[in-house]
N, C-alpha and C. Protein backbone atom coordinates (compact mmCIF):
# COMPACT_ATOMS: atom_id res chain seq x y z
N MET A 1 56.94 130.35 209.31
CA MET A 1 56.83 130.22 207.87
C MET A 1 56.09 131.42 207.32
N ASN A 2 56.55 131.96 206.21
CA ASN A 2 55.90 133.16 205.67
C ASN A 2 54.76 132.81 204.72
N ALA A 3 54.00 133.80 204.37
CA ALA A 3 52.81 133.60 203.54
C ALA A 3 53.16 133.04 202.17
N ALA A 4 54.26 133.49 201.59
CA ALA A 4 54.65 133.00 200.27
C ALA A 4 54.97 131.52 200.33
N GLN A 5 55.64 131.09 201.39
CA GLN A 5 55.96 129.67 201.55
C GLN A 5 54.69 128.86 201.75
N ASP A 6 53.77 129.36 202.58
CA ASP A 6 52.50 128.69 202.79
C ASP A 6 51.76 128.52 201.47
N GLU A 7 51.73 129.58 200.67
CA GLU A 7 51.05 129.56 199.37
C GLU A 7 51.68 128.52 198.46
N SER A 8 53.01 128.46 198.41
CA SER A 8 53.66 127.49 197.53
C SER A 8 53.48 126.07 198.06
N ASP A 9 53.44 125.88 199.39
CA ASP A 9 53.17 124.55 199.95
C ASP A 9 51.77 124.07 199.55
N ARG A 10 50.78 124.96 199.64
CA ARG A 10 49.42 124.59 199.24
C ARG A 10 49.36 124.28 197.75
N ALA A 11 50.07 125.06 196.96
CA ALA A 11 50.08 124.83 195.51
C ALA A 11 50.74 123.49 195.19
N PHE A 12 51.83 123.17 195.89
CA PHE A 12 52.47 121.88 195.65
C PHE A 12 51.55 120.74 196.06
N ALA A 13 50.84 120.88 197.17
CA ALA A 13 49.90 119.85 197.62
C ALA A 13 48.84 119.62 196.54
N ARG A 14 48.38 120.71 195.89
CA ARG A 14 47.38 120.56 194.81
C ARG A 14 47.98 119.80 193.63
N VAL A 15 49.22 120.15 193.25
CA VAL A 15 49.87 119.50 192.12
C VAL A 15 50.08 118.01 192.42
N LEU A 16 50.54 117.70 193.62
CA LEU A 16 50.76 116.31 194.00
C LEU A 16 49.43 115.54 193.99
N GLY A 17 48.39 116.16 194.52
CA GLY A 17 47.07 115.53 194.51
C GLY A 17 46.56 115.27 193.11
N GLN A 18 46.81 116.20 192.20
CA GLN A 18 46.40 116.01 190.80
C GLN A 18 47.11 114.82 190.18
N GLU A 19 48.39 114.66 190.51
CA GLU A 19 49.15 113.53 189.97
C GLU A 19 48.64 112.21 190.52
N ILE A 20 48.25 112.19 191.78
CA ILE A 20 47.67 110.97 192.37
C ILE A 20 46.34 110.66 191.67
N ARG A 21 45.51 111.69 191.48
CA ARG A 21 44.23 111.48 190.80
C ARG A 21 44.44 110.94 189.38
N LYS A 22 45.41 111.50 188.66
CA LYS A 22 45.68 111.03 187.29
C LYS A 22 46.11 109.57 187.30
N ALA A 23 46.93 109.19 188.27
CA ALA A 23 47.37 107.80 188.37
C ALA A 23 46.19 106.88 188.68
N ARG A 24 45.31 107.33 189.55
CA ARG A 24 44.11 106.54 189.89
C ARG A 24 43.22 106.38 188.65
N GLU A 25 42.99 107.48 187.93
CA GLU A 25 42.15 107.44 186.74
C GLU A 25 42.78 106.60 185.63
N ALA A 26 44.11 106.65 185.52
CA ALA A 26 44.80 105.84 184.52
C ALA A 26 44.61 104.35 184.80
N ARG A 27 44.47 104.02 186.06
CA ARG A 27 44.21 102.63 186.47
C ARG A 27 42.74 102.27 186.24
N GLY A 28 41.90 103.28 186.02
CA GLY A 28 40.49 103.05 185.78
C GLY A 28 39.67 102.91 187.05
N TRP A 29 40.20 103.38 188.16
CA TRP A 29 39.53 103.25 189.45
C TRP A 29 38.83 104.54 189.84
N THR A 30 37.71 104.38 190.51
CA THR A 30 37.06 105.52 191.18
C THR A 30 37.78 105.72 192.51
N ARG A 31 37.46 106.82 193.17
CA ARG A 31 38.03 107.03 194.51
C ARG A 31 37.60 105.91 195.45
N ALA A 32 36.33 105.54 195.38
CA ALA A 32 35.81 104.48 196.25
C ALA A 32 36.56 103.16 196.02
N GLU A 33 36.88 102.87 194.79
CA GLU A 33 37.60 101.63 194.48
C GLU A 33 39.02 101.67 195.05
N LEU A 34 39.68 102.81 194.96
CA LEU A 34 41.01 102.93 195.54
C LEU A 34 40.96 102.80 197.06
N VAL A 35 40.00 103.49 197.67
CA VAL A 35 39.85 103.44 199.12
C VAL A 35 39.66 101.99 199.59
N GLU A 36 38.89 101.20 198.86
CA GLU A 36 38.67 99.79 199.22
C GLU A 36 39.97 98.99 199.24
N GLN A 37 40.91 99.37 198.38
CA GLN A 37 42.17 98.64 198.26
C GLN A 37 43.23 99.07 199.27
N LEU A 38 43.06 100.25 199.86
CA LEU A 38 44.07 100.77 200.79
C LEU A 38 44.01 100.05 202.13
N PRO A 39 45.14 99.58 202.63
CA PRO A 39 45.14 98.88 203.92
C PRO A 39 44.86 99.79 205.12
N SER A 40 45.09 101.08 204.98
CA SER A 40 44.91 101.99 206.12
C SER A 40 43.46 102.28 206.44
N GLY A 41 42.57 102.01 205.51
CA GLY A 41 41.15 102.21 205.77
C GLY A 41 40.70 103.66 205.80
N ILE A 42 41.35 104.52 205.03
CA ILE A 42 40.92 105.91 204.98
C ILE A 42 39.58 106.00 204.25
N GLY A 43 38.88 107.10 204.45
CA GLY A 43 37.60 107.29 203.81
C GLY A 43 37.72 107.97 202.45
N ASP A 44 36.64 107.92 201.70
CA ASP A 44 36.58 108.55 200.39
C ASP A 44 36.84 110.05 200.47
N ARG A 45 36.29 110.68 201.51
CA ARG A 45 36.47 112.14 201.66
C ARG A 45 37.92 112.50 201.96
N THR A 46 38.61 111.63 202.70
CA THR A 46 40.03 111.87 202.98
C THR A 46 40.83 111.81 201.69
N LEU A 47 40.56 110.78 200.87
CA LEU A 47 41.25 110.68 199.59
C LEU A 47 40.93 111.89 198.72
N LEU A 48 39.68 112.31 198.71
CA LEU A 48 39.29 113.50 197.95
C LEU A 48 40.10 114.72 198.42
N SER A 49 40.27 114.85 199.72
CA SER A 49 41.02 116.01 200.24
C SER A 49 42.50 115.93 199.86
N TYR A 50 43.05 114.72 199.74
CA TYR A 50 44.43 114.57 199.26
C TYR A 50 44.52 114.96 197.78
N GLU A 51 43.58 114.48 196.99
CA GLU A 51 43.60 114.74 195.55
C GLU A 51 43.40 116.21 195.23
N HIS A 52 42.71 116.92 196.07
CA HIS A 52 42.49 118.35 195.85
C HIS A 52 43.52 119.22 196.56
N GLY A 53 44.45 118.59 197.27
CA GLY A 53 45.49 119.35 197.95
C GLY A 53 45.01 120.09 199.17
N ILE A 54 43.86 119.73 199.69
CA ILE A 54 43.30 120.38 200.87
C ILE A 54 43.98 119.87 202.13
N ARG A 55 44.31 118.59 202.12
CA ARG A 55 44.94 117.94 203.26
C ARG A 55 46.32 117.45 202.83
N ALA A 56 47.31 117.69 203.66
CA ALA A 56 48.68 117.26 203.35
C ALA A 56 48.82 115.76 203.56
N LEU A 57 49.56 115.14 202.68
CA LEU A 57 49.84 113.71 202.76
C LEU A 57 51.08 113.47 203.61
N THR A 58 51.05 112.44 204.44
CA THR A 58 52.28 112.01 205.08
C THR A 58 53.05 111.17 204.06
N VAL A 59 54.32 111.01 204.29
CA VAL A 59 55.13 110.18 203.38
C VAL A 59 54.60 108.75 203.38
N THR A 60 54.27 108.24 204.56
CA THR A 60 53.75 106.88 204.68
C THR A 60 52.48 106.70 203.88
N ARG A 61 51.54 107.63 203.99
CA ARG A 61 50.27 107.53 203.26
C ARG A 61 50.51 107.67 201.76
N PHE A 62 51.40 108.59 201.37
CA PHE A 62 51.72 108.78 199.96
C PHE A 62 52.26 107.48 199.36
N ILE A 63 53.19 106.84 200.05
CA ILE A 63 53.77 105.58 199.55
C ILE A 63 52.71 104.49 199.49
N GLU A 64 51.85 104.43 200.49
CA GLU A 64 50.78 103.44 200.52
C GLU A 64 49.86 103.59 199.29
N ILE A 65 49.48 104.83 199.00
CA ILE A 65 48.60 105.09 197.86
C ILE A 65 49.29 104.71 196.55
N CYS A 66 50.54 105.12 196.41
CA CYS A 66 51.28 104.80 195.18
C CYS A 66 51.44 103.30 195.00
N LYS A 67 51.79 102.60 196.09
CA LYS A 67 51.96 101.15 196.02
C LYS A 67 50.65 100.47 195.62
N THR A 68 49.55 100.93 196.19
CA THR A 68 48.24 100.36 195.87
C THR A 68 47.88 100.60 194.41
N LEU A 69 48.27 101.77 193.90
CA LEU A 69 48.01 102.09 192.49
C LEU A 69 48.97 101.38 191.54
N GLY A 70 50.02 100.79 192.10
CA GLY A 70 51.00 100.10 191.27
C GLY A 70 51.91 101.04 190.50
N VAL A 71 52.16 102.20 191.09
CA VAL A 71 53.04 103.19 190.46
C VAL A 71 54.10 103.59 191.47
N ALA A 72 55.30 103.82 191.00
CA ALA A 72 56.40 104.19 191.89
C ALA A 72 56.14 105.59 192.47
N ALA A 73 56.32 105.70 193.78
CA ALA A 73 56.15 107.00 194.44
C ALA A 73 57.08 108.04 193.82
N ALA A 74 58.29 107.61 193.49
CA ALA A 74 59.26 108.55 192.89
C ALA A 74 58.75 109.09 191.56
N GLU A 75 58.04 108.28 190.80
CA GLU A 75 57.50 108.72 189.52
C GLU A 75 56.45 109.82 189.72
N ILE A 76 55.54 109.61 190.65
CA ILE A 76 54.51 110.61 190.94
C ILE A 76 55.16 111.88 191.47
N LEU A 77 56.08 111.72 192.40
CA LEU A 77 56.77 112.87 192.98
C LEU A 77 57.56 113.64 191.93
N ASP A 78 58.24 112.93 191.05
CA ASP A 78 59.00 113.59 189.98
C ASP A 78 58.09 114.43 189.08
N ARG A 79 56.93 113.87 188.72
CA ARG A 79 56.01 114.62 187.87
C ARG A 79 55.49 115.87 188.59
N ALA A 80 55.16 115.72 189.87
CA ALA A 80 54.67 116.87 190.65
C ALA A 80 55.77 117.92 190.80
N LEU A 81 56.98 117.50 191.08
CA LEU A 81 58.09 118.45 191.24
C LEU A 81 58.38 119.17 189.93
N GLU A 82 58.28 118.47 188.82
CA GLU A 82 58.52 119.09 187.51
C GLU A 82 57.51 120.22 187.28
N LYS A 83 56.26 119.98 187.62
CA LYS A 83 55.24 121.01 187.44
C LYS A 83 55.44 122.17 188.41
N ALA A 84 56.01 121.89 189.57
CA ALA A 84 56.17 122.90 190.61
C ALA A 84 57.53 123.59 190.57
N ARG A 85 58.37 123.22 189.64
CA ARG A 85 59.75 123.72 189.63
C ARG A 85 59.83 125.25 189.66
N ASP A 86 59.00 125.91 188.92
CA ASP A 86 59.00 127.38 188.88
C ASP A 86 57.91 127.88 189.82
N LEU A 87 58.27 128.29 191.03
CA LEU A 87 57.27 128.71 192.01
C LEU A 87 56.45 129.90 191.53
N ARG A 88 56.98 130.65 190.58
CA ARG A 88 56.22 131.78 190.04
C ARG A 88 55.02 131.31 189.24
N ALA A 89 54.94 130.01 188.94
CA ALA A 89 53.81 129.48 188.19
C ALA A 89 52.56 129.36 189.05
N PHE A 90 52.69 129.54 190.37
CA PHE A 90 51.55 129.40 191.26
C PHE A 90 50.82 130.73 191.39
N SER A 91 49.54 130.64 191.61
CA SER A 91 48.72 131.83 191.83
C SER A 91 49.10 132.48 193.15
N LEU A 92 48.93 133.79 193.21
CA LEU A 92 49.24 134.56 194.41
C LEU A 92 47.98 135.18 194.97
N SER A 93 47.78 135.04 196.27
CA SER A 93 46.66 135.68 196.95
C SER A 93 47.22 136.97 197.57
N VAL A 94 46.94 138.09 196.93
CA VAL A 94 47.57 139.37 197.29
C VAL A 94 46.61 140.25 198.08
N ASP A 95 47.11 140.82 199.16
CA ASP A 95 46.35 141.76 199.99
C ASP A 95 46.56 143.16 199.41
N LEU A 96 45.55 143.67 198.72
CA LEU A 96 45.67 144.96 198.03
C LEU A 96 45.87 146.12 199.00
N ARG A 97 45.28 146.05 200.16
CA ARG A 97 45.47 147.13 201.15
C ARG A 97 46.92 147.19 201.62
N ALA A 98 47.57 146.05 201.73
CA ALA A 98 48.99 146.03 202.10
C ALA A 98 49.83 146.64 200.98
N VAL A 99 49.46 146.39 199.73
CA VAL A 99 50.16 147.01 198.59
C VAL A 99 50.05 148.52 198.68
N LEU A 100 48.86 149.01 199.02
CA LEU A 100 48.64 150.46 199.10
C LEU A 100 49.48 151.12 200.21
N ARG A 101 49.80 150.38 201.25
CA ARG A 101 50.61 150.94 202.35
C ARG A 101 52.09 151.05 201.98
N ASP A 102 52.52 150.31 200.97
CA ASP A 102 53.93 150.36 200.56
C ASP A 102 54.20 151.69 199.86
N GLN A 103 55.33 152.31 200.16
CA GLN A 103 55.61 153.64 199.61
C GLN A 103 56.79 153.70 198.65
N ARG A 104 57.29 152.58 198.18
CA ARG A 104 58.41 152.60 197.24
C ARG A 104 57.95 153.25 195.93
N ALA A 105 58.66 154.27 195.54
CA ALA A 105 58.26 155.08 194.38
C ALA A 105 58.17 154.26 193.09
N GLU A 106 59.08 153.34 192.90
CA GLU A 106 59.11 152.58 191.65
C GLU A 106 57.88 151.69 191.46
N PHE A 107 57.12 151.46 192.53
CA PHE A 107 55.94 150.61 192.44
C PHE A 107 54.63 151.41 192.48
N GLU A 108 54.71 152.70 192.24
CA GLU A 108 53.51 153.54 192.19
C GLU A 108 52.48 153.00 191.19
N PRO A 109 52.90 152.52 189.99
CA PRO A 109 51.89 151.98 189.06
C PRO A 109 51.12 150.79 189.65
N VAL A 110 51.77 150.00 190.47
CA VAL A 110 51.10 148.86 191.09
C VAL A 110 50.09 149.36 192.12
N ARG A 111 50.45 150.40 192.86
CA ARG A 111 49.52 150.97 193.84
C ARG A 111 48.30 151.56 193.13
N LEU A 112 48.51 152.21 192.01
CA LEU A 112 47.39 152.76 191.24
C LEU A 112 46.45 151.64 190.79
N TRP A 113 47.04 150.55 190.28
CA TRP A 113 46.24 149.40 189.89
C TRP A 113 45.46 148.86 191.09
N ALA A 114 46.12 148.72 192.25
CA ALA A 114 45.47 148.19 193.45
C ALA A 114 44.32 149.10 193.88
N ARG A 115 44.55 150.42 193.84
CA ARG A 115 43.50 151.38 194.21
C ARG A 115 42.29 151.22 193.29
N ASN A 116 42.52 151.14 191.99
CA ASN A 116 41.44 150.98 191.03
C ASN A 116 40.74 149.63 191.19
N ARG A 117 41.49 148.62 191.48
CA ARG A 117 40.93 147.27 191.68
C ARG A 117 40.01 147.26 192.90
N LEU A 118 40.38 147.99 193.95
CA LEU A 118 39.55 148.06 195.16
C LEU A 118 38.26 148.83 194.90
N LYS A 119 38.29 149.79 193.97
CA LYS A 119 37.06 150.51 193.62
C LYS A 119 36.05 149.56 192.97
N ASP A 120 36.55 148.71 192.09
CA ASP A 120 35.68 147.77 191.38
C ASP A 120 35.19 146.64 192.28
N ASN A 121 36.03 146.22 193.19
CA ASN A 121 35.70 145.11 194.07
C ASN A 121 36.34 145.40 195.43
N PRO A 122 35.55 145.71 196.43
CA PRO A 122 36.10 146.12 197.72
C PRO A 122 36.81 145.02 198.51
N SER A 123 36.80 143.81 198.00
CA SER A 123 37.54 142.75 198.69
C SER A 123 39.02 143.08 198.67
N ALA A 124 39.64 143.06 199.84
CA ALA A 124 41.04 143.46 199.94
C ALA A 124 41.98 142.43 199.34
N LYS A 125 41.50 141.21 199.18
CA LYS A 125 42.37 140.15 198.69
C LYS A 125 41.95 139.74 197.28
N VAL A 126 42.96 139.52 196.46
CA VAL A 126 42.70 139.12 195.08
C VAL A 126 43.63 137.97 194.75
N LEU A 127 43.10 136.96 194.06
CA LEU A 127 43.89 135.82 193.64
C LEU A 127 44.35 136.08 192.21
N LEU A 128 45.67 136.14 192.04
CA LEU A 128 46.23 136.44 190.73
C LEU A 128 46.87 135.19 190.14
N ALA A 129 46.31 134.74 189.03
CA ALA A 129 46.87 133.59 188.32
C ALA A 129 48.18 134.01 187.68
N PRO A 130 49.04 133.06 187.37
CA PRO A 130 50.34 133.39 186.76
C PRO A 130 50.22 134.24 185.51
N VAL A 131 49.25 133.93 184.65
CA VAL A 131 49.08 134.69 183.42
C VAL A 131 48.69 136.14 183.73
N THR A 132 47.92 136.34 184.79
CA THR A 132 47.52 137.69 185.19
C THR A 132 48.72 138.50 185.65
N VAL A 133 49.58 137.88 186.44
CA VAL A 133 50.80 138.57 186.91
C VAL A 133 51.68 138.92 185.71
N ARG A 134 51.78 138.00 184.77
CA ARG A 134 52.60 138.23 183.57
C ARG A 134 52.05 139.40 182.75
N GLU A 135 50.73 139.43 182.54
CA GLU A 135 50.11 140.50 181.76
C GLU A 135 50.15 141.83 182.50
N LEU A 136 49.94 141.79 183.80
CA LEU A 136 50.01 143.00 184.61
C LEU A 136 51.43 143.58 184.56
N ALA A 137 52.41 142.73 184.63
CA ALA A 137 53.81 143.17 184.54
C ALA A 137 54.07 143.86 183.21
N ALA A 138 53.60 143.26 182.13
CA ALA A 138 53.80 143.86 180.81
C ALA A 138 53.08 145.20 180.71
N ALA A 139 51.86 145.28 181.23
CA ALA A 139 51.08 146.52 181.14
C ALA A 139 51.71 147.64 181.98
N LEU A 140 52.31 147.29 183.10
CA LEU A 140 52.86 148.31 183.99
C LEU A 140 54.35 148.56 183.79
N GLY A 141 54.97 147.83 182.86
CA GLY A 141 56.37 148.07 182.55
C GLY A 141 57.37 147.38 183.47
N PHE A 142 56.98 146.26 184.06
CA PHE A 142 57.87 145.48 184.92
C PHE A 142 58.20 144.16 184.24
N THR A 143 59.27 143.51 184.68
CA THR A 143 59.48 142.13 184.25
C THR A 143 58.55 141.26 185.09
N HIS A 144 58.24 140.10 184.57
CA HIS A 144 57.37 139.19 185.31
C HIS A 144 57.98 138.85 186.67
N SER A 145 59.26 138.52 186.70
CA SER A 145 59.87 138.11 187.97
C SER A 145 59.94 139.25 188.98
N SER A 146 60.19 140.48 188.52
CA SER A 146 60.27 141.59 189.48
C SER A 146 58.89 141.89 190.08
N LEU A 147 57.84 141.82 189.26
CA LEU A 147 56.50 142.06 189.79
C LEU A 147 56.06 140.91 190.69
N ALA A 148 56.35 139.66 190.29
CA ALA A 148 55.99 138.51 191.13
C ALA A 148 56.71 138.58 192.46
N ASP A 149 57.99 138.91 192.45
CA ASP A 149 58.75 139.03 193.70
C ASP A 149 58.16 140.12 194.59
N TYR A 150 57.75 141.22 193.99
CA TYR A 150 57.14 142.32 194.75
C TYR A 150 55.81 141.88 195.35
N LEU A 151 54.94 141.29 194.53
CA LEU A 151 53.61 140.90 195.00
C LEU A 151 53.66 139.81 196.07
N ILE A 152 54.67 138.95 196.01
CA ILE A 152 54.82 137.91 197.02
C ILE A 152 54.95 138.51 198.42
N GLU A 153 55.51 139.71 198.50
CA GLU A 153 55.64 140.40 199.79
C GLU A 153 54.27 140.67 200.42
N PHE A 154 53.22 140.70 199.60
CA PHE A 154 51.89 141.08 200.08
C PHE A 154 50.89 139.94 199.99
N THR A 155 51.40 138.72 199.91
CA THR A 155 50.48 137.59 199.87
C THR A 155 49.86 137.43 201.24
N SER A 156 48.60 137.02 201.21
CA SER A 156 47.85 136.91 202.47
C SER A 156 48.14 135.61 203.16
N GLU A 157 47.81 135.57 204.43
CA GLU A 157 48.09 134.41 205.26
C GLU A 157 47.10 133.29 205.09
N ASP A 158 45.90 133.55 204.55
CA ASP A 158 44.88 132.48 204.51
C ASP A 158 44.89 131.68 203.25
């Protein structure tokens, strides 16, 4: 699996977790109250890790949580998929040193930006929110999708 896929999987896990949290809050339950109702006996920290997208949910656990909340799993999944439909909406963790090694002439402005960014902050990796990619594309004369596609090539593994 490549870094871009890993990044989008983590982003989807966060979106799905947010939808579970919203359903729990709509029911008026705390995490502890939901955990008490779950037959599997998971802990509060496990539920927290699901809601934050840190830990991946199995289908069985996802259905169990939805059933306990009294909401259709398909409804939660549909809402999460709707938010995740455009993968370019997810933040990108870009390795600036890898960008600097690329020699394609048409992306020289991106390399200049990466070089300057490394001067200000020597951390080789930078997390770029969707709005940042969009604004950077406009400033450097690229379309959003062409710059996002380019930067995805340099997303980090972690």
